[in-house]
Protein backbone atom coordinates (compact mmCIF):
# COMPACT_ATOMS: atom_id res chain seq x y z
CA MET A 1 0.13 -0.15 0.44
CA THR A 2 1.01 3.43 -0.84
CA LEU A 3 0.61 6.62 1.01
CA GLU A 4 -2.13 7.83 -1.16
CA ARG A 5 -4.07 4.19 -0.89
CA LEU A 6 -3.99 5.27 2.25
CA LYS A 7 -7.04 7.99 2.01
CA THR A 8 -8.45 5.24 1.28
CA HIS A 9 -8.53 3.84 5.02
CA TYR A 10 -8.12 6.91 6.47
CA ARG A 11 -10.26 9.71 6.08
CA ARG A 12 -11.23 11.66 9.74
CA PRO A 13 -9.12 15.16 9.46
CA ARG A 14 -6.49 14.39 11.57
CA GLU A 15 -5.45 11.23 9.68
CA LEU A 16 -5.42 12.72 6.25
CA ARG A 17 -3.18 15.73 8.08
CA ALA A 18 -0.74 12.59 9.11
CA ILE A 19 -0.69 11.30 5.40
CA GLU A 20 0.12 15.04 3.59
CA LEU A 21 2.88 14.94 6.55
CA LEU A 22 4.23 11.73 4.92
CA HIS A 23 3.77 12.49 1.81
CA HIS A 24 5.54 15.95 2.02
CA PRO A 25 8.37 15.30 5.05
CA GLU A 26 10.28 18.39 3.39
CA ALA A 27 7.98 20.22 5.41
CA TYR A 28 7.42 18.91 8.38
CA PRO A 29 6.87 21.26 11.06
CA GLY A 30 9.15 22.32 13.88
CA LEU A 31 12.57 21.05 11.24
CA ALA A 32 14.81 23.46 8.72
CA PRO A 33 11.90 23.47 5.26
CA TRP A 34 13.58 21.22 3.21
CA ARG A 35 13.42 22.46 -1.02
CA ASP A 36 11.39 19.86 -3.08
CA ARG A 37 13.17 19.53 -5.71
CA ASP A 38 16.12 18.16 -4.04
CA THR A 39 14.47 15.60 -2.97
CA ARG A 40 16.46 12.31 -4.99
CA VAL A 41 13.80 9.73 -3.23
CA ARG A 42 11.68 8.60 -0.78
CA PHE A 43 11.21 5.01 1.62
CA VAL A 44 8.48 4.06 3.03
CA ARG A 45 7.51 1.02 5.75
CA LEU A 46 3.68 0.79 6.79
CA PRO A 47 3.68 -1.21 8.98
CA SER A 48 -0.04 -2.90 10.56
CA PHE A 49 1.20 -2.23 14.61
CA GLU A 50 3.97 0.00 14.24
CA PRO A 51 4.26 3.92 13.08
CA TYR A 52 4.12 4.52 9.78
CA SER A 53 7.60 5.85 8.56
CA VAL A 54 8.74 7.68 5.69
CA TRP A 55 12.86 7.90 5.08
CA SER A 56 13.44 11.49 1.92
CA LEU A 57 16.75 11.45 0.57
CA GLN A 58 17.75 14.59 0.09
CA ARG A 59 21.29 15.65 -1.98
CA ARG A 60 22.55 19.29 -4.13
CA ASP A 61 25.68 21.10 -3.76
CA LYS A 62 27.53 19.81 -1.41
CA LEU A 63 25.07 18.55 1.04
CA ALA A 64 22.92 14.60 1.72
CA GLN A 65 20.25 15.25 4.28
CA VAL A 66 17.83 12.31 5.26
CA ARG A 67 14.15 12.84 7.21
CA ARG A 68 12.83 11.00 8.65
CA VAL A 69 8.77 11.02 9.55
CA GLU A 70 6.48 8.72 11.33
CA TRP A 71 2.95 8.49 12.82
CA ASP A 72 1.60 5.94 14.97
CA HIS A 73 -1.65 5.47 13.75
CA ALA A 74 -2.77 3.09 16.38
CA ALA A 75 -2.25 5.41 18.88
CA ASP A 76 -4.35 8.31 16.63
CA ALA A 77 -7.54 5.10 16.29
CA GLN A 78 -7.19 4.89 20.04
CA THR A 79 -8.12 8.47 20.54
CA ARG A 80 -9.98 9.02 17.74
CA ASP A 81 -13.17 9.91 19.92
CA ALA A 82 -12.81 10.94 22.78
CA VAL A 83 -10.07 13.82 20.81
CA PRO A 84 -11.57 14.18 17.22
CA GLU A 85 -9.62 17.66 16.58
CA ALA A 86 -6.33 16.36 17.91
CA ALA A 87 -3.10 17.12 16.33
CA PRO A 88 -2.20 13.84 14.38
CA THR A 89 1.18 11.62 17.08
CA THR A 90 3.80 11.47 14.07
CA PHE A 91 7.28 12.10 14.88
CA GLY A 92 10.42 14.12 12.50
CA ALA A 93 14.01 13.55 12.85
CA ASP A 94 16.96 14.67 9.99
CA SER A 95 20.09 14.32 9.32
CA GLN A 96 23.07 15.07 7.43
CA LEU A 97 24.59 11.73 5.89
CA PRO A 98 28.17 11.61 4.71
CA VAL A 99 28.11 12.92 0.83
CA ALA A 100 29.81 9.86 -0.92
CA ALA A 101 27.42 7.03 0.93
CA ALA A 102 24.51 8.89 -0.30
CA ASP A 103 26.23 9.40 -3.64
CA GLU A 104 26.93 5.05 -3.56
CA LEU A 105 22.96 4.47 -2.35
CA LEU A 106 22.16 7.34 -5.10
CA ASP A 107 24.06 5.17 -7.56
CA GLU A 108 22.67 1.50 -6.77
CA LEU A 109 19.54 2.00 -6.95
CA ALA A 110 20.02 3.90 -10.48
CA ALA A 111 21.53 0.76 -11.88
CA ILE A 112 19.38 -2.09 -10.58
CA GLN A 113 17.74 -3.52 -12.99
CA LEU A 114 14.28 -5.43 -13.05
CA PRO A 115 11.38 -6.20 -14.49
CA PRO A 116 7.89 -4.33 -12.98
CA PHE A 117 5.30 -5.38 -13.59
CA LEU A 118 5.11 -8.82 -12.68
CA PRO A 119 1.81 -10.68 -11.86
CA VAL A 120 0.67 -10.75 -8.48
CA SER A 121 0.76 -13.92 -6.67
CA THR A 122 0.52 -12.69 -2.98
CA LEU A 123 -2.52 -11.49 -0.38
CA GLY A 124 -2.68 -10.10 2.69
CA LEU A 125 -4.76 -8.37 5.07
CA ASP A 126 -1.90 -7.62 7.69
CA GLY A 127 1.72 -7.52 6.93
CA THR A 128 4.12 -5.01 6.47
CA SER A 129 4.40 -2.85 2.84
CA TYR A 130 7.48 -1.36 1.60
CA ALA A 131 7.87 1.33 -0.76
CA ILE A 132 10.04 3.24 -2.45
CA VAL A 133 9.28 6.46 -5.18
CA PHE A 134 11.29 8.48 -6.75
CA GLY A 135 10.22 11.66 -9.45
CA ASP A 136 8.68 15.10 -9.52
CA SER A 137 6.28 16.06 -11.80
CA TRP A 138 8.13 15.27 -15.28
CA ARG A 139 9.32 11.34 -14.47
CA ALA A 140 8.00 9.39 -11.08
CA ALA A 141 7.54 5.73 -10.36
CA THR A 142 7.11 3.68 -7.35
CA LEU A 143 8.09 0.15 -6.52
CA SER A 144 5.62 -1.33 -3.77
CA TRP A 145 5.44 -4.89 -2.00
CA LEU A 146 3.47 -6.68 0.47
CA CYS A 147 5.43 -8.26 3.09
CA GLU A 148 8.78 -9.58 0.86
CA ALA A 149 9.46 -8.23 -2.43
CA PRO A 150 9.55 -10.80 -5.89
CA LYS A 151 12.08 -12.59 -5.96
CA GLU A 152 12.51 -10.72 -9.24
CA TRP A 153 13.37 -7.84 -7.09
CA GLN A 154 14.98 -9.03 -4.51
CA SER A 155 18.53 -6.46 -5.02
CA LEU A 156 15.94 -3.89 -5.22
CA GLU A 157 14.45 -4.78 -1.78
CA ARG A 158 18.60 -5.28 0.30
CA CYS A 159 19.24 -1.67 -1.56
CA TYR A 160 16.34 -0.54 0.16
CA GLU A 161 17.88 -2.68 3.97
CA ARG A 162 21.33 -0.89 3.46
CA ALA A 163 19.46 2.80 2.75
CA LEU A 164 17.45 1.81 6.45
CA SER A 165 20.82 1.38 7.85
CA LEU A 166 22.78 4.13 6.97
CA PHE A 167 19.77 6.42 7.41
CA GLU A 168 18.77 5.31 10.72
CA ARG A 169 22.71 4.81 12.39
CA PHE A 170 23.05 8.91 11.80
CA LEU A 171 19.01 9.57 12.75
CA PRO A 172 18.67 9.50 16.28
CA VAL A 173 16.14 7.46 17.53
CA SER A 174 12.61 6.81 16.78
CA THR A 175 10.76 7.98 19.95
CA ALA A 176 8.17 6.44 17.43
CA ARG A 177 9.02 2.81 17.90
CA ASN A 178 10.18 3.45 21.04
CA PRO A 179 8.02 4.47 23.49
CA GLN A 180 9.95 4.43 26.75
CA LEU A 181 12.06 7.38 25.19
CA GLN A 182 8.95 9.74 25.13
CA THR A 183 8.34 9.05 28.75
CA GLY A 184 12.00 9.20 30.51
CA ALA A 185 10.78 5.51 30.92
């Protein structure tokens, strides 16, 4: 499931605001705004029972940055009727990356060759959806899969895993996935 398809499942204003923040991490409130055109690629992870996450890689001039935006949709579901006008439970963080590492990742993605149109052979309701989103208004691609990528896409899945490993080495620990950090426990 990609970010746009989330709008078929979530329709309340609070939920739609959270989806917009995931879809446009460049403008996440409280973090320095990014120019949308400098975003090279987004990595999306949408687990059924954990916070949704988007990592956005920006590359311009002599700068490489990553931004992670997360939405704790389960926490919002628990309070949706009690406080319907509340802001969504989102978390954002960004960090600089070594330019060489960012360029290596972008080169690896550019070199991947795979068949884009495969027959659908899986069905699932729960699990984790993954996506890599590339492009701008002139050309774009989104490749997504549920649970495990098709065998023909294993190189893409490995690159996805390496990218998240790189990003998480430089980003602060996620309070969305480590709630004890929020309470100081």
